[in-house]
């Protein structure tokens, strides 16, 4: 068997978006370059994720490896923060809310 056949095919952005949607992510438009954004000009916004340290995380990811995360003390606080995110996501707004680069 050739080496090329042994390699897994890279996922398309559409497949990646479908995988994220299945895991509960929603997509919001952004004017920023998220290195890159998804092809439709959006970023992926997670639902509230419980962490092993007892905190709760919200994550926002571009189409590759740029992400911003915010860890909060309670699920209620995280849900409130998630609900307050604007309909258009910007890096500056996320940083002002305390998100840090992942």
N, C-alpha and C. Protein backbone atom coordinates (compact mmCIF):
# COMPACT_ATOMS: atom_id res chain seq x y z
N UNK A 1 0.85 -1.18 0.00
CA UNK A 1 0.00 0.00 0.00
C UNK A 1 0.89 1.24 0.00
N UNK A 2 0.54 2.26 -0.76
CA UNK A 2 1.37 3.45 -0.84
C UNK A 2 1.24 4.28 0.42
N UNK A 3 2.25 5.08 0.66
CA UNK A 3 2.23 5.94 1.85
C UNK A 3 1.07 6.92 1.80
N UNK A 4 0.75 7.42 0.62
CA UNK A 4 -0.35 8.38 0.50
C UNK A 4 -1.69 7.78 0.92
N UNK A 5 -1.91 6.51 0.66
CA UNK A 5 -3.17 5.88 1.03
C UNK A 5 -3.27 5.66 2.54
N UNK A 6 -2.09 5.57 3.22
CA UNK A 6 -2.09 5.37 4.66
C UNK A 6 -2.40 6.63 5.44
N UNK A 7 -2.20 7.75 4.83
CA UNK A 7 -2.43 9.02 5.52
C UNK A 7 -3.91 9.34 5.55
N UNK A 8 -4.35 9.85 6.67
CA UNK A 8 -5.74 10.26 6.77
C UNK A 8 -5.94 11.53 5.96
N UNK A 9 -7.07 11.62 5.29
CA UNK A 9 -7.38 12.82 4.54
C UNK A 9 -7.69 13.94 5.52
N UNK A 10 -7.21 15.16 5.26
CA UNK A 10 -7.58 16.26 6.14
C UNK A 10 -9.06 16.55 6.02
N UNK A 11 -9.66 16.94 7.14
CA UNK A 11 -11.08 17.28 7.12
C UNK A 11 -11.27 18.63 6.44
N UNK A 12 -12.34 18.77 5.72
CA UNK A 12 -12.68 20.06 5.14
C UNK A 12 -13.23 20.96 6.24
N UNK A 13 -13.26 22.26 5.96
CA UNK A 13 -13.85 23.17 6.95
C UNK A 13 -15.31 22.83 7.20
N UNK A 14 -16.00 22.41 6.17
CA UNK A 14 -17.42 22.05 6.33
C UNK A 14 -17.57 20.86 7.28
N UNK A 15 -16.68 19.86 7.13
CA UNK A 15 -16.72 18.71 8.04
C UNK A 15 -16.40 19.15 9.47
N UNK A 16 -15.41 20.03 9.60
CA UNK A 16 -15.02 20.53 10.92
C UNK A 16 -16.18 21.27 11.57
N UNK A 17 -16.86 22.14 10.81
CA UNK A 17 -18.01 22.86 11.34
C UNK A 17 -19.12 21.89 11.75
N UNK A 18 -19.37 20.88 10.95
CA UNK A 18 -20.40 19.89 11.28
C UNK A 18 -20.05 19.15 12.56
N UNK A 19 -18.78 18.81 12.74
CA UNK A 19 -18.33 18.15 13.98
C UNK A 19 -18.56 19.05 15.19
N UNK A 20 -18.22 20.33 15.04
CA UNK A 20 -18.40 21.27 16.15
C UNK A 20 -19.88 21.48 16.46
N UNK A 21 -20.72 21.59 15.44
CA UNK A 21 -22.16 21.74 15.67
C UNK A 21 -22.70 20.53 16.45
N UNK A 22 -22.23 19.34 16.09
CA UNK A 22 -22.67 18.12 16.78
C UNK A 22 -22.26 18.14 18.24
N UNK A 23 -21.18 18.86 18.57
CA UNK A 23 -20.71 18.97 19.95
C UNK A 23 -21.32 20.16 20.69
N UNK A 24 -22.29 20.86 20.06
CA UNK A 24 -23.00 21.93 20.73
C UNK A 24 -22.48 23.34 20.47
N UNK A 25 -21.50 23.48 19.57
CA UNK A 25 -21.01 24.81 19.24
C UNK A 25 -22.01 25.53 18.35
N UNK A 26 -22.06 26.86 18.49
CA UNK A 26 -22.83 27.70 17.58
C UNK A 26 -21.83 28.57 16.82
N UNK A 27 -22.24 29.14 15.72
CA UNK A 27 -21.35 29.95 14.90
C UNK A 27 -21.86 31.38 14.84
N UNK A 28 -20.95 32.31 15.07
CA UNK A 28 -21.28 33.73 15.04
C UNK A 28 -20.33 34.44 14.08
N UNK A 29 -20.83 35.46 13.37
CA UNK A 29 -19.97 36.20 12.46
C UNK A 29 -18.91 37.01 13.22
N UNK A 30 -17.81 37.29 12.53
CA UNK A 30 -16.74 38.12 13.09
C UNK A 30 -16.12 38.95 11.98
N UNK A 31 -15.73 40.19 12.28
CA UNK A 31 -15.00 40.98 11.29
C UNK A 31 -13.49 40.75 11.37
N UNK A 32 -13.05 40.01 12.38
CA UNK A 32 -11.62 39.82 12.64
C UNK A 32 -11.06 38.62 11.89
N UNK A 33 -9.74 38.61 11.73
CA UNK A 33 -9.04 37.47 11.14
C UNK A 33 -8.64 36.52 12.28
N UNK A 34 -9.23 35.36 12.32
CA UNK A 34 -8.95 34.38 13.37
C UNK A 34 -7.97 33.33 12.89
N UNK A 35 -7.21 33.65 11.90
CA UNK A 35 -6.09 32.80 11.40
C UNK A 35 -6.48 31.38 11.07
N UNK A 36 -7.40 31.11 10.26
CA UNK A 36 -8.42 31.96 9.66
C UNK A 36 -9.75 31.83 10.40
N UNK A 37 -10.71 32.61 9.97
CA UNK A 37 -12.09 32.36 10.36
C UNK A 37 -12.57 31.18 9.52
N UNK A 38 -13.76 30.70 9.81
CA UNK A 38 -14.34 29.69 8.93
C UNK A 38 -14.69 30.37 7.61
N UNK A 39 -14.86 29.58 6.55
CA UNK A 39 -15.06 30.11 5.20
C UNK A 39 -16.24 31.07 5.11
N UNK A 40 -17.23 30.89 5.98
CA UNK A 40 -18.39 31.77 5.94
C UNK A 40 -18.22 33.00 6.84
N UNK A 41 -16.98 33.28 7.31
CA UNK A 41 -16.71 34.46 8.11
C UNK A 41 -17.18 34.36 9.55
N UNK A 42 -17.23 33.13 10.07
CA UNK A 42 -17.71 32.92 11.44
C UNK A 42 -16.64 32.31 12.33
N UNK A 43 -16.91 32.35 13.63
CA UNK A 43 -16.13 31.64 14.63
C UNK A 43 -17.07 30.70 15.38
N UNK A 44 -16.49 29.66 15.99
CA UNK A 44 -17.27 28.67 16.75
C UNK A 44 -17.30 29.07 18.21
N UNK A 45 -18.49 29.11 18.80
CA UNK A 45 -18.67 29.46 20.21
C UNK A 45 -19.19 28.22 20.94
N UNK A 46 -18.45 27.79 21.97
CA UNK A 46 -18.84 26.58 22.71
C UNK A 46 -20.03 26.85 23.61
N UNK A 47 -20.65 25.78 24.04
CA UNK A 47 -21.58 25.84 25.13
C UNK A 47 -20.74 25.88 26.41
N UNK A 48 -21.34 25.99 27.56
CA UNK A 48 -20.60 25.98 28.82
C UNK A 48 -20.02 24.58 29.05
N UNK A 49 -18.71 24.52 29.29
CA UNK A 49 -18.03 23.23 29.48
C UNK A 49 -17.52 23.13 30.92
N UNK A 50 -17.94 22.10 31.67
CA UNK A 50 -17.39 21.90 33.02
C UNK A 50 -15.95 21.41 32.93
N UNK A 51 -15.10 21.90 33.82
CA UNK A 51 -13.69 21.50 33.87
C UNK A 51 -13.43 20.64 35.09
N UNK A 52 -12.34 19.91 35.06
CA UNK A 52 -12.01 19.01 36.17
C UNK A 52 -11.66 19.77 37.46
N UNK A 53 -11.31 21.05 37.35
CA UNK A 53 -10.97 21.83 38.53
C UNK A 53 -12.20 22.50 39.17
N UNK A 54 -13.39 22.19 38.67
CA UNK A 54 -14.62 22.75 39.23
C UNK A 54 -15.07 24.04 38.57
N UNK A 55 -14.28 24.57 37.66
CA UNK A 55 -14.67 25.79 36.96
C UNK A 55 -15.44 25.42 35.69
N UNK A 56 -15.91 26.46 34.99
CA UNK A 56 -16.71 26.29 33.79
C UNK A 56 -16.14 27.18 32.69
N UNK A 57 -15.99 26.63 31.48
CA UNK A 57 -15.31 27.33 30.39
C UNK A 57 -16.25 27.62 29.23
N UNK A 58 -16.03 28.81 28.65
CA UNK A 58 -16.60 29.18 27.36
C UNK A 58 -15.41 29.34 26.42
N UNK A 59 -15.49 28.78 25.23
CA UNK A 59 -14.39 28.88 24.27
C UNK A 59 -14.92 29.38 22.94
N UNK A 60 -14.09 30.18 22.27
CA UNK A 60 -14.41 30.68 20.94
C UNK A 60 -13.22 30.35 20.06
N UNK A 61 -13.48 29.67 18.92
CA UNK A 61 -12.40 29.21 18.05
C UNK A 61 -12.61 29.65 16.62
N UNK A 62 -11.50 30.00 15.98
CA UNK A 62 -11.50 30.23 14.55
C UNK A 62 -11.41 28.90 13.82
N UNK A 63 -11.13 28.95 12.54
CA UNK A 63 -11.11 27.75 11.72
C UNK A 63 -9.88 26.90 11.86
N UNK A 64 -8.88 27.34 12.63
CA UNK A 64 -7.67 26.55 12.78
C UNK A 64 -7.24 26.52 14.23
N UNK A 65 -6.21 27.29 14.59
CA UNK A 65 -5.67 27.15 15.94
C UNK A 65 -5.73 28.41 16.79
N UNK A 66 -6.50 29.42 16.41
CA UNK A 66 -6.67 30.60 17.26
C UNK A 66 -7.95 30.45 18.06
N UNK A 67 -7.81 30.46 19.36
CA UNK A 67 -8.97 30.35 20.24
C UNK A 67 -8.85 31.30 21.41
N UNK A 68 -9.99 31.66 21.98
CA UNK A 68 -10.06 32.48 23.18
C UNK A 68 -10.93 31.72 24.18
N UNK A 69 -10.51 31.72 25.45
CA UNK A 69 -11.25 30.99 26.48
C UNK A 69 -11.46 31.85 27.71
N UNK A 70 -12.57 31.58 28.40
CA UNK A 70 -12.88 32.25 29.66
C UNK A 70 -13.34 31.19 30.64
N UNK A 71 -12.65 31.09 31.78
CA UNK A 71 -13.02 30.16 32.84
C UNK A 71 -13.71 30.93 33.95
N UNK A 72 -14.85 30.39 34.39
CA UNK A 72 -15.65 31.05 35.42
C UNK A 72 -15.91 30.09 36.56
N UNK A 73 -16.25 30.65 37.72
CA UNK A 73 -16.40 29.85 38.94
C UNK A 73 -17.68 29.03 39.01
N UNK A 74 -18.76 29.53 38.41
CA UNK A 74 -20.02 28.80 38.50
C UNK A 74 -20.63 28.62 37.11
N UNK A 75 -21.45 27.58 36.98
CA UNK A 75 -22.14 27.33 35.72
C UNK A 75 -23.11 28.47 35.43
N UNK A 76 -23.75 29.00 36.47
CA UNK A 76 -24.69 30.10 36.28
C UNK A 76 -23.98 31.33 35.72
N UNK A 77 -22.82 31.64 36.28
CA UNK A 77 -22.03 32.78 35.80
C UNK A 77 -21.60 32.56 34.34
N UNK A 78 -21.21 31.34 34.00
CA UNK A 78 -20.78 31.02 32.64
C UNK A 78 -21.96 31.12 31.67
N UNK A 79 -23.13 30.62 32.06
CA UNK A 79 -24.31 30.72 31.20
C UNK A 79 -24.70 32.17 30.97
N UNK A 80 -24.60 32.99 32.01
CA UNK A 80 -24.91 34.41 31.91
C UNK A 80 -23.95 35.09 30.93
N UNK A 81 -22.66 34.77 31.06
CA UNK A 81 -21.65 35.36 30.17
C UNK A 81 -21.89 34.91 28.72
N UNK A 82 -22.18 33.64 28.54
CA UNK A 82 -22.45 33.11 27.20
C UNK A 82 -23.65 33.82 26.58
N UNK A 83 -24.71 33.99 27.35
CA UNK A 83 -25.92 34.65 26.84
C UNK A 83 -25.68 36.12 26.51
N UNK A 84 -24.70 36.73 27.16
CA UNK A 84 -24.44 38.16 26.93
C UNK A 84 -23.49 38.43 25.77
N UNK A 85 -22.94 37.37 25.14
CA UNK A 85 -22.04 37.60 24.01
C UNK A 85 -22.82 38.27 22.88
N UNK A 86 -22.20 39.23 22.21
CA UNK A 86 -22.89 39.92 21.12
C UNK A 86 -23.10 39.01 19.91
N UNK A 87 -23.97 39.43 19.02
CA UNK A 87 -24.24 38.62 17.84
C UNK A 87 -23.06 38.61 16.87
N UNK A 88 -22.20 39.63 16.93
CA UNK A 88 -20.97 39.67 16.13
C UNK A 88 -19.81 39.64 17.11
N UNK A 89 -18.94 38.64 16.98
CA UNK A 89 -17.84 38.41 17.91
C UNK A 89 -16.58 39.13 17.43
N UNK A 90 -15.96 39.90 18.35
CA UNK A 90 -14.67 40.52 18.02
C UNK A 90 -13.64 40.12 19.08
N UNK A 91 -12.40 40.07 18.66
CA UNK A 91 -11.31 39.75 19.60
C UNK A 91 -11.24 40.80 20.70
N UNK A 92 -11.38 42.08 20.35
CA UNK A 92 -11.31 43.14 21.35
C UNK A 92 -12.39 42.99 22.41
N UNK A 93 -13.62 42.66 21.98
CA UNK A 93 -14.71 42.49 22.94
C UNK A 93 -14.44 41.30 23.86
N UNK A 94 -13.97 40.20 23.30
CA UNK A 94 -13.68 39.03 24.13
C UNK A 94 -12.58 39.35 25.15
N UNK A 95 -11.53 40.04 24.72
CA UNK A 95 -10.45 40.41 25.64
C UNK A 95 -10.97 41.33 26.73
N UNK A 96 -11.86 42.26 26.39
CA UNK A 96 -12.44 43.15 27.39
C UNK A 96 -13.29 42.39 28.40
N UNK A 97 -13.83 41.25 28.02
CA UNK A 97 -14.64 40.42 28.91
C UNK A 97 -13.78 39.45 29.74
N UNK A 98 -12.47 39.45 29.49
CA UNK A 98 -11.58 38.59 30.26
C UNK A 98 -11.15 37.31 29.57
N UNK A 99 -11.56 37.10 28.32
CA UNK A 99 -11.11 35.91 27.58
C UNK A 99 -9.61 36.03 27.33
N UNK A 100 -8.94 34.89 27.36
CA UNK A 100 -7.51 34.85 27.05
C UNK A 100 -7.27 33.89 25.89
N UNK A 101 -6.14 34.10 25.21
CA UNK A 101 -5.80 33.21 24.10
C UNK A 101 -5.54 31.80 24.60
N UNK A 102 -6.10 30.84 23.88
CA UNK A 102 -5.93 29.43 24.26
C UNK A 102 -4.66 28.88 23.68
